[in-house]
PDB file of N, CA and C in Angstrom:
ATOM      1  N   MET A   1       0.810  -1.097   0.051  1.00  0.00           N
ATOM      2  CA  MET A   1      -0.038   0.147   0.047  1.00  0.00           C
ATOM      3  C   MET A   1       0.825   1.277   0.139  1.00  0.00           C
ATOM      4  N   ALA A   2       0.550   2.146  -0.711  1.00  0.00           N
ATOM      5  CA  ALA A   2       1.507   3.441  -1.012  1.00  0.00           C
ATOM      6  C   ALA A   2       1.372   4.356   0.333  1.00  0.00           C
ATOM      7  N   GLU A   3       2.311   5.065   0.361  1.00  0.00           N
ATOM      8  CA  GLU A   3       2.305   6.029   1.732  1.00  0.00           C
ATOM      9  C   GLU A   3       1.747   7.176   1.160  1.00  0.00           C
ATOM     10  N   ALA A   4       0.744   7.785   1.985  1.00  0.00           N
ATOM     11  CA  ALA A   4       0.129   9.082   1.632  1.00  0.00           C
ATOM     12  C   ALA A   4       1.124  10.165   1.775  1.00  0.00           C
ATOM     13  N   THR A   5       1.119  11.066   0.907  1.00  0.00           N
ATOM     14  CA  THR A   5       2.131  12.207   0.683  1.00  0.00           C
ATOM     15  C   THR A   5       1.249  13.599   0.936  1.00  0.00           C
ATOM     16  N   GLU A   6       0.138  13.496   0.949  1.00  0.00           N
ATOM     17  CA  GLU A   6      -0.675  14.714   0.796  1.00  0.00           C
ATOM     18  C   GLU A   6      -2.119  14.481   1.297  1.00  0.00           C
ATOM     19  N   TYR A   7      -2.748  15.344   2.036  1.00  0.00           N
ATOM     20  CA  TYR A   7      -4.222  15.249   2.578  1.00  0.00           C
ATOM     21  C   TYR A   7      -4.785  16.607   2.331  1.00  0.00           C
ATOM     22  N   ALA A   8      -6.032  16.536   1.967  1.00  0.00           N
ATOM     23  CA  ALA A   8      -6.843  17.810   1.541  1.00  0.00           C
ATOM     24  C   ALA A   8      -7.912  17.943   2.649  1.00  0.00           C
ATOM     25  N   PHE A   9      -8.151  19.082   2.785  1.00  0.00           N
ATOM     26  CA  PHE A   9      -9.329  19.462   3.840  1.00  0.00           C
ATOM     27  C   PHE A   9     -10.246  20.584   3.633  1.00  0.00           C
ATOM     28  N   GLU A  10     -11.343  20.466   3.385  1.00  0.00           N
ATOM     29  CA  GLU A  10     -12.460  21.363   3.082  1.00  0.00           C
ATOM     30  C   GLU A  10     -12.120  22.412   4.385  1.00  0.00           C
ATOM     31  N   LEU A  11     -12.681  23.807   4.085  1.00  0.00           N
ATOM     32  CA  LEU A  11     -12.511  24.792   4.867  1.00  0.00           C
ATOM     33  C   LEU A  11     -13.453  24.563   6.142  1.00  0.00           C
ATOM     34  N   ARG A  12     -14.634  23.889   5.907  1.00  0.00           N
ATOM     35  CA  ARG A  12     -15.363  23.578   7.061  1.00  0.00           C
ATOM     36  C   ARG A  12     -14.648  22.638   8.033  1.00  0.00           C
ATOM     37  N   GLU A  13     -13.903  21.633   7.226  1.00  0.00           N
ATOM     38  CA  GLU A  13     -13.216  20.749   8.173  1.00  0.00           C
ATOM     39  C   GLU A  13     -12.212  21.345   9.057  1.00  0.00           C
ATOM     40  N   VAL A  14     -11.510  22.211   8.725  1.00  0.00           N
ATOM     41  CA  VAL A  14     -10.510  23.102   9.251  1.00  0.00           C
ATOM     42  C   VAL A  14     -11.148  23.773  10.344  1.00  0.00           C
ATOM     43  N   THR A  15     -12.253  24.198  10.060  1.00  0.00           N
ATOM     44  CA  THR A  15     -12.913  25.134  11.137  1.00  0.00           C
ATOM     45  C   THR A  15     -13.187  24.401  12.227  1.00  0.00           C
ATOM     46  N   GLU A  16     -13.848  23.023  11.814  1.00  0.00           N
ATOM     47  CA  GLU A  16     -14.424  22.340  12.905  1.00  0.00           C
ATOM     48  C   GLU A  16     -13.203  21.736  13.834  1.00  0.00           C
ATOM     49  N   ALA A  17     -12.085  21.476  13.214  1.00  0.00           N
ATOM     50  CA  ALA A  17     -10.791  20.945  14.071  1.00  0.00           C
ATOM     51  C   ALA A  17     -10.346  22.064  14.911  1.00  0.00           C
ATOM     52  N   LEU A  18     -10.264  23.182  14.453  1.00  0.00           N
ATOM     53  CA  LEU A  18      -9.573  24.619  15.386  1.00  0.00           C
ATOM     54  C   LEU A  18     -10.692  24.882  16.363  1.00  0.00           C
ATOM     55  N   ILE A  19     -11.908  24.751  16.140  1.00  0.00           N
ATOM     56  CA  ILE A  19     -13.012  25.027  17.261  1.00  0.00           C
ATOM     57  C   ILE A  19     -12.782  23.809  18.249  1.00  0.00           C
ATOM     58  N   ALA A  20     -12.394  22.367  17.881  1.00  0.00           N
ATOM     59  CA  ALA A  20     -12.455  21.628  18.978  1.00  0.00           C
ATOM     60  C   ALA A  20     -11.284  21.612  19.634  1.00  0.00           C
ATOM     61  N   HIS A  21     -10.104  21.977  18.796  1.00  0.00           N
ATOM     62  CA  HIS A  21      -8.566  22.111  19.345  1.00  0.00           C
ATOM     63  C   HIS A  21      -8.635  23.259  20.725  1.00  0.00           C
ATOM     64  N   GLN A  22      -9.463  24.205  20.245  1.00  0.00           N
ATOM     65  CA  GLN A  22      -9.480  25.336  21.209  1.00  0.00           C
ATOM     66  C   GLN A  22     -10.689  25.265  22.404  1.00  0.00           C
ATOM     67  N   GLY A  23     -11.050  24.281  22.330  1.00  0.00           N
ATOM     68  CA  GLY A  23     -12.199  23.639  23.460  1.00  0.00           C
ATOM     69  C   GLY A  23     -13.659  24.862  23.155  1.00  0.00           C
ATOM     70  N   ILE A  24     -13.604  25.610  22.141  1.00  0.00           N
ATOM     71  CA  ILE A  24     -14.859  26.270  22.018  1.00  0.00           C
ATOM     72  C   ILE A  24     -16.206  25.390  21.804  1.00  0.00           C
ATOM     73  N   THR A  25     -17.037  25.841  22.745  1.00  0.00           N
ATOM     74  CA  THR A  25     -18.413  25.274  22.858  1.00  0.00           C
ATOM     75  C   THR A  25     -19.747  26.172  22.384  1.00  0.00           C
ATOM     76  N   THR A  26     -19.549  27.404  22.328  1.00  0.00           N
ATOM     77  CA  THR A  26     -20.518  28.128  21.924  1.00  0.00           C
ATOM     78  C   THR A  26     -20.305  29.135  20.641  1.00  0.00           C
ATOM     79  N   GLY A  27     -21.322  29.434  20.145  1.00  0.00           N
ATOM     80  CA  GLY A  27     -21.209  30.498  19.162  1.00  0.00           C
ATOM     81  C   GLY A  27     -21.064  29.829  17.561  1.00  0.00           C
ATOM     82  N   LYS A  28     -21.217  30.685  16.842  1.00  0.00           N
ATOM     83  CA  LYS A  28     -21.022  30.114  15.249  1.00  0.00           C
ATOM     84  C   LYS A  28     -19.727  31.015  15.046  1.00  0.00           C
ATOM     85  N   TRP A  29     -18.860  30.204  14.088  1.00  0.00           N
ATOM     86  CA  TRP A  29     -17.652  30.581  13.832  1.00  0.00           C
ATOM     87  C   TRP A  29     -17.467  30.252  12.451  1.00  0.00           C
ATOM     88  N   MET A  30     -16.245  30.957  11.834  1.00  0.00           N
ATOM     89  CA  MET A  30     -15.691  30.652  10.512  1.00  0.00           C
ATOM     90  C   MET A  30     -14.372  30.786  10.538  1.00  0.00           C
ATOM     91  N   LEU A  31     -13.642  30.340   9.383  1.00  0.00           N
ATOM     92  CA  LEU A  31     -12.226  30.564   8.981  1.00  0.00           C
ATOM     93  C   LEU A  31     -12.080  31.609   8.392  1.00  0.00           C
ATOM     94  N   SER A  32     -11.001  32.557   8.873  1.00  0.00           N
ATOM     95  CA  SER A  32     -10.700  33.546   8.199  1.00  0.00           C
ATOM     96  C   SER A  32      -9.205  33.672   7.956  1.00  0.00           C
ATOM     97  N   PHE A  33      -8.606  34.453   7.136  1.00  0.00           N
ATOM     98  CA  PHE A  33      -7.114  34.598   6.788  1.00  0.00           C
ATOM     99  C   PHE A  33      -6.655  35.912   6.899  1.00  0.00           C
ATOM    100  N   GLU A  34      -5.504  35.903   7.655  1.00  0.00           N
ATOM    101  CA  GLU A  34      -4.722  37.352   7.777  1.00  0.00           C
ATOM    102  C   GLU A  34      -3.806  37.244   6.273  1.00  0.00           C
ATOM    103  N   MET A  35      -3.806  38.213   5.712  1.00  0.00           N
ATOM    104  CA  MET A  35      -3.036  38.098   4.466  1.00  0.00           C
ATOM    105  C   MET A  35      -2.208  39.769   4.408  1.00  0.00           C
ATOM    106  N   GLY A  36      -1.151  39.522   3.786  1.00  0.00           N
ATOM    107  CA  GLY A  36      -0.340  40.593   3.630  1.00  0.00           C
ATOM    108  C   GLY A  36      -0.160  40.745   1.995  1.00  0.00           C
ATOM    109  N   LEU A  37       0.128  41.865   1.471  1.00  0.00           N
ATOM    110  CA  LEU A  37       0.143  42.180  -0.033  1.00  0.00           C
ATOM    111  C   LEU A  37       1.578  42.939  -0.259  1.00  0.00           C
ATOM    112  N   ALA A  38       2.177  42.537  -1.122  1.00  0.00           N
ATOM    113  CA  ALA A  38       3.541  43.375  -1.373  1.00  0.00           C
ATOM    114  C   ALA A  38       3.293  43.657  -2.814  1.00  0.00           C
ATOM    115  N   GLY A  39       4.049  44.743  -3.479  1.00  0.00           N
ATOM    116  CA  GLY A  39       4.123  45.128  -4.785  1.00  0.00           C
ATOM    117  C   GLY A  39       5.584  45.374  -5.186  1.00  0.00           C
ATOM    118  N   GLY A  40       5.754  45.205  -6.274  1.00  0.00           N
ATOM    119  CA  GLY A  40       7.176  45.278  -6.807  1.00  0.00           C
ATOM    120  C   GLY A  40       7.205  45.338  -8.445  1.00  0.00           C
ATOM    121  N   ILE A  41       8.269  44.996  -9.030  1.00  0.00           N
ATOM    122  CA  ILE A  41       8.427  44.759 -10.507  1.00  0.00           C
ATOM    123  C   ILE A  41       9.331  43.350 -10.368  1.00  0.00           C
ATOM    124  N   SER A  42       8.652  42.589 -11.211  1.00  0.00           N
ATOM    125  CA  SER A  42       9.103  41.245 -11.269  1.00  0.00           C
ATOM    126  C   SER A  42       8.761  40.488 -12.778  1.00  0.00           C
ATOM    127  N   GLY A  43       9.652  39.581 -13.177  1.00  0.00           N
ATOM    128  CA  GLY A  43       9.334  38.760 -14.103  1.00  0.00           C
ATOM    129  C   GLY A  43      10.487  37.758 -14.396  1.00  0.00           C
ATOM    130  N   PRO A  44      10.377  36.917 -15.265  1.00  0.00           N
ATOM    131  CA  PRO A  44      11.471  35.973 -15.930  1.00  0.00           C
ATOM    132  C   PRO A  44      12.692  36.363 -16.197  1.00  0.00           C
ATOM    133  N   THR A  45      12.666  37.775 -17.105  1.00  0.00           N
ATOM    134  CA  THR A  45      13.651  38.330 -17.615  1.00  0.00           C
ATOM    135  C   THR A  45      13.559  39.841 -17.331  1.00  0.00           C
ATOM    136  N   GLU A  46      14.735  40.603 -17.230  1.00  0.00           N
ATOM    137  CA  GLU A  46      14.458  42.127 -17.017  1.00  0.00           C
ATOM    138  C   GLU A  46      13.526  42.677 -18.140  1.00  0.00           C
ATOM    139  N   SER A  47      13.433  42.106 -19.380  1.00  0.00           N
ATOM    140  CA  SER A  47      12.623  42.827 -20.341  1.00  0.00           C
ATOM    141  C   SER A  47      11.193  42.228 -20.359  1.00  0.00           C
ATOM    142  N   ASP A  48      11.057  41.225 -19.628  1.00  0.00           N
ATOM    143  CA  ASP A  48       9.459  40.766 -19.269  1.00  0.00           C
ATOM    144  C   ASP A  48       8.992  41.186 -17.917  1.00  0.00           C
ATOM    145  N   SER A  49       9.823  42.079 -17.333  1.00  0.00           N
ATOM    146  CA  SER A  49       9.262  42.389 -15.983  1.00  0.00           C
ATOM    147  C   SER A  49       8.202  43.530 -15.962  1.00  0.00           C
ATOM    148  N   ARG A  50       7.289  43.066 -14.969  1.00  0.00           N
ATOM    149  CA  ARG A  50       5.929  43.877 -15.055  1.00  0.00           C
ATOM    150  C   ARG A  50       5.683  44.397 -13.517  1.00  0.00           C
ATOM    151  N   PRO A  51       4.769  45.298 -13.365  1.00  0.00           N
ATOM    152  CA  PRO A  51       4.322  45.737 -11.990  1.00  0.00           C
ATOM    153  C   PRO A  51       3.765  44.120 -11.506  1.00  0.00           C
ATOM    154  N   SER A  52       3.749  43.911 -10.171  1.00  0.00           N
ATOM    155  CA  SER A  52       3.521  42.654  -9.922  1.00  0.00           C
ATOM    156  C   SER A  52       2.980  42.674  -8.397  1.00  0.00           C
ATOM    157  N   ALA A  53       2.188  41.690  -8.131  1.00  0.00           N
ATOM    158  CA  ALA A  53       1.785  41.863  -6.527  1.00  0.00           C
ATOM    159  C   ALA A  53       1.974  40.454  -6.042  1.00  0.00           C
ATOM    160  N   ILE A  54       2.328  40.187  -4.738  1.00  0.00           N
ATOM    161  CA  ILE A  54       2.581  39.072  -4.090  1.00  0.00           C
ATOM    162  C   ILE A  54       1.459  38.913  -2.858  1.00  0.00           C
ATOM    163  N   VAL A  55       0.594  38.103  -2.741  1.00  0.00           N
ATOM    164  CA  VAL A  55      -0.160  37.958  -1.787  1.00  0.00           C
ATOM    165  C   VAL A  55       0.353  36.867  -0.704  1.00  0.00           C
ATOM    166  N   GLN A  56       0.344  37.102   0.418  1.00  0.00           N
ATOM    167  CA  GLN A  56       1.027  36.312   1.526  1.00  0.00           C
ATOM    168  C   GLN A  56       0.094  36.006   2.416  1.00  0.00           C
ATOM    169  N   ILE A  57      -0.356  34.489   2.618  1.00  0.00           N
ATOM    170  CA  ILE A  57      -1.086  34.098   3.784  1.00  0.00           C
ATOM    171  C   ILE A  57      -0.445  34.245   5.301  1.00  0.00           C
ATOM    172  N   ARG A  58      -0.583  35.085   5.975  1.00  0.00           N
ATOM    173  CA  ARG A  58       0.175  35.164   7.130  1.00  0.00           C
ATOM    174  C   ARG A  58      -0.314  34.214   8.326  1.00  0.00           C
ATOM    175  N   SER A  59      -1.482  34.059   8.534  1.00  0.00           N
ATOM    176  CA  SER A  59      -2.234  33.212   9.615  1.00  0.00           C
ATOM    177  C   SER A  59      -3.694  32.669   9.366  1.00  0.00           C
ATOM    178  N   LEU A  60      -3.940  31.804   9.744  1.00  0.00           N
ATOM    179  CA  LEU A  60      -5.384  31.282   9.576  1.00  0.00           C
ATOM    180  C   LEU A  60      -5.998  31.871  11.200  1.00  0.00           C
ATOM    181  N   LYS A  61      -7.205  32.077  10.966  1.00  0.00           N
ATOM    182  CA  LYS A  61      -7.971  32.578  12.399  1.00  0.00           C
ATOM    183  C   LYS A  61      -9.299  32.181  12.257  1.00  0.00           C
ATOM    184  N   LEU A  62      -9.776  31.899  13.491  1.00  0.00           N
ATOM    185  CA  LEU A  62     -11.202  31.810  13.830  1.00  0.00           C
ATOM    186  C   LEU A  62     -11.942  32.869  14.251  1.00  0.00           C
ATOM    187  N   ALA A  63     -13.005  33.208  13.262  1.00  0.00           N
ATOM    188  CA  ALA A  63     -13.669  34.554  13.591  1.00  0.00           C
ATOM    189  C   ALA A  63     -15.011  34.287  13.933  1.00  0.00           C
ATOM    190  N   ALA A  64     -15.629  34.962  15.018  1.00  0.00           N
ATOM    191  CA  ALA A  64     -17.083  34.680  15.311  1.00  0.00           C
ATOM    192  C   ALA A  64     -17.906  35.396  14.318  1.00  0.00           C
ATOM    193  N   ALA A  65     -18.662  34.558  13.952  1.00  0.00           N
ATOM    194  CA  ALA A  65     -19.771  34.927  12.802  1.00  0.00           C
ATOM    195  C   ALA A  65     -21.308  35.612  13.333  1.00  0.00           C
ATOM    196  N   LYS A  66     -21.039  36.752  13.572  1.00  0.00           N
ATOM    197  CA  LYS A  66     -22.132  37.531  14.239  1.00  0.00           C
ATOM    198  C   LYS A  66     -22.917  38.477  13.078  1.00  0.00           C
ATOM    199  N   ASP A  67     -22.293  38.869  12.095  1.00  0.00           N
ATOM    200  CA  ASP A  67     -23.306  39.673  11.153  1.00  0.00           C
ATOM    201  C   ASP A  67     -23.873  38.966  10.236  1.00  0.00           C
ATOM    202  N   GLU A  68     -25.370  39.343  10.126  1.00  0.00           N
ATOM    203  CA  GLU A  68     -26.269  38.635   9.368  1.00  0.00           C
ATOM    204  C   GLU A  68     -25.682  38.401   8.031  1.00  0.00           C
ATOM    205  N   ALA A  69     -25.178  39.327   7.387  1.00  0.00           N
ATOM    206  CA  ALA A  69     -24.582  38.824   6.052  1.00  0.00           C
ATOM    207  C   ALA A  69     -23.734  37.598   5.989  1.00  0.00           C
ATOM    208  N   VAL A  70     -22.825  37.774   7.051  1.00  0.00           N
ATOM    209  CA  VAL A  70     -21.798  36.419   7.136  1.00  0.00           C
ATOM    210  C   VAL A  70     -22.531  35.204   7.659  1.00  0.00           C
ATOM    211  N   LEU A  71     -23.566  35.307   8.436  1.00  0.00           N
ATOM    212  CA  LEU A  71     -24.328  34.220   8.609  1.00  0.00           C
ATOM    213  C   LEU A  71     -25.171  33.530   7.761  1.00  0.00           C
ATOM    214  N   LYS A  72     -25.401  34.412   6.585  1.00  0.00           N
ATOM    215  CA  LYS A  72     -25.866  33.635   5.639  1.00  0.00           C
ATOM    216  C   LYS A  72     -25.144  32.793   4.432  1.00  0.00           C
ATOM    217  N   LEU A  73     -23.821  32.791   4.923  1.00  0.00           N
ATOM    218  CA  LEU A  73     -22.891  31.785   4.235  1.00  0.00           C
ATOM    219  C   LEU A  73     -22.808  30.643   4.982  1.00  0.00           C
ATOM    220  N   GLY A  74     -23.790  29.923   5.239  1.00  0.00           N
ATOM    221  CA  GLY A  74     -23.988  28.787   5.975  1.00  0.00           C
ATOM    222  C   GLY A  74     -22.875  27.566   5.694  1.00  0.00           C
ATOM    223  N   HIS A  75     -22.650  27.473   4.153  1.00  0.00           N
ATOM    224  CA  HIS A  75     -21.621  26.383   4.118  1.00  0.00           C
ATOM    225  C   HIS A  75     -20.388  26.777   4.581  1.00  0.00           C
ATOM    226  N   LEU A  76     -19.940  27.839   5.353  1.00  0.00           N
ATOM    227  CA  LEU A  76     -18.634  28.319   5.758  1.00  0.00           C
ATOM    228  C   LEU A  76     -18.780  28.494   7.355  1.00  0.00           C
ATOM    229  N   ILE A  77     -20.177  28.470   7.772  1.00  0.00           N
ATOM    230  CA  ILE A  77     -20.032  28.744   9.243  1.00  0.00           C
ATOM    231  C   ILE A  77     -20.372  27.290  10.258  1.00  0.00           C
ATOM    232  N   VAL A  78     -19.731  27.443  10.987  1.00  0.00           N
ATOM    233  CA  VAL A  78     -19.910  26.343  11.966  1.00  0.00           C
ATOM    234  C   VAL A  78     -20.322  26.724  13.460  1.00  0.00           C
ATOM    235  N   ASP A  79     -21.157  25.914  13.798  1.00  0.00           N
ATOM    236  CA  ASP A  79     -21.878  25.864  15.231  1.00  0.00           C
ATOM    237  C   ASP A  79     -21.070  25.280  16.054  1.00  0.00           C
ATOM    238  N   ALA A  80     -20.517  25.985  17.178  1.00  0.00           N
ATOM    239  CA  ALA A  80     -19.649  25.189  18.018  1.00  0.00           C
ATOM    240  C   ALA A  80     -20.367  24.144  18.831  1.00  0.00           C
ATOM    241  N   ALA A  81     -21.439  24.376  19.240  1.00  0.00           N
ATOM    242  CA  ALA A  81     -22.217  23.383  20.035  1.00  0.00           C
ATOM    243  C   ALA A  81     -22.242  21.991  19.190  1.00  0.00           C
ATOM    244  N   GLU A  82     -22.282  22.113  18.131  1.00  0.00           N
ATOM    245  CA  GLU A  82     -22.553  20.938  17.333  1.00  0.00           C
ATOM    246  C   GLU A  82     -21.254  20.209  17.294  1.00  0.00           C
ATOM    247  N   VAL A  83     -20.190  20.907  17.152  1.00  0.00           N
ATOM    248  CA  VAL A  83     -18.741  20.273  17.156  1.00  0.00           C
ATOM    249  C   VAL A  83     -18.691  19.645  18.434  1.00  0.00           C
ATOM    250  N   ALA A  84     -19.047  20.377  19.483  1.00  0.00           N
ATOM    251  CA  ALA A  84     -18.663  20.043  20.996  1.00  0.00           C
ATOM    252  C   ALA A  84     -19.404  18.740  21.334  1.00  0.00           C
ATOM    253  N   GLN A  85     -20.655  18.534  20.911  1.00  0.00           N
ATOM    254  CA  GLN A  85     -21.699  17.326  20.953  1.00  0.00           C
ATOM    255  C   GLN A  85     -21.003  16.104  20.394  1.00  0.00           C
ATOM    256  N   ARG A  86     -20.069  16.287  19.358  1.00  0.00           N
ATOM    257  CA  ARG A  86     -19.567  15.242  18.615  1.00  0.00           C
ATOM    258  C   ARG A  86     -18.065  14.578  19.341  1.00  0.00           C
ATOM    259  N   GLN A  87     -17.562  15.594  20.082  1.00  0.00           N
ATOM    260  CA  GLN A  87     -16.227  15.121  20.814  1.00  0.00           C
ATOM    261  C   GLN A  87     -16.528  14.211  21.852  1.00  0.00           C
ATOM    262  N   PRO A  88     -15.559  13.169  21.904  1.00  0.00           N
ATOM    263  CA  PRO A  88     -15.923  12.202  23.112  1.00  0.00           C
ATOM    264  C   PRO A  88     -15.509  12.935  24.519  1.00  0.00           C
ATOM    265  N   LYS A  89     -16.182  12.366  25.413  1.00  0.00           N
ATOM    266  CA  LYS A  89     -16.313  12.756  26.782  1.00  0.00           C
ATOM    267  C   LYS A  89     -15.253  12.161  27.660  1.00  0.00           C
TER     268      LYS A  89
END
């Protein structure tokens, strides 16, 4: 049997795992990202250089989902009480 070299996770799975890891038992939560943006001139050669942007993911965060517009994104929102119910006692 081949050894696994990569695992993929849905955003919701990551959110649930982080909620469980932090011991959060109440509230609705979603995954968010802290990002950085840098600009410069880059390209494979000097003559092909163009204005460019680099987007950096600095961290993953759990964010409380309280805004009505955000709560409508049900596929991204996780209820911590539901995650806590599934955890072994």
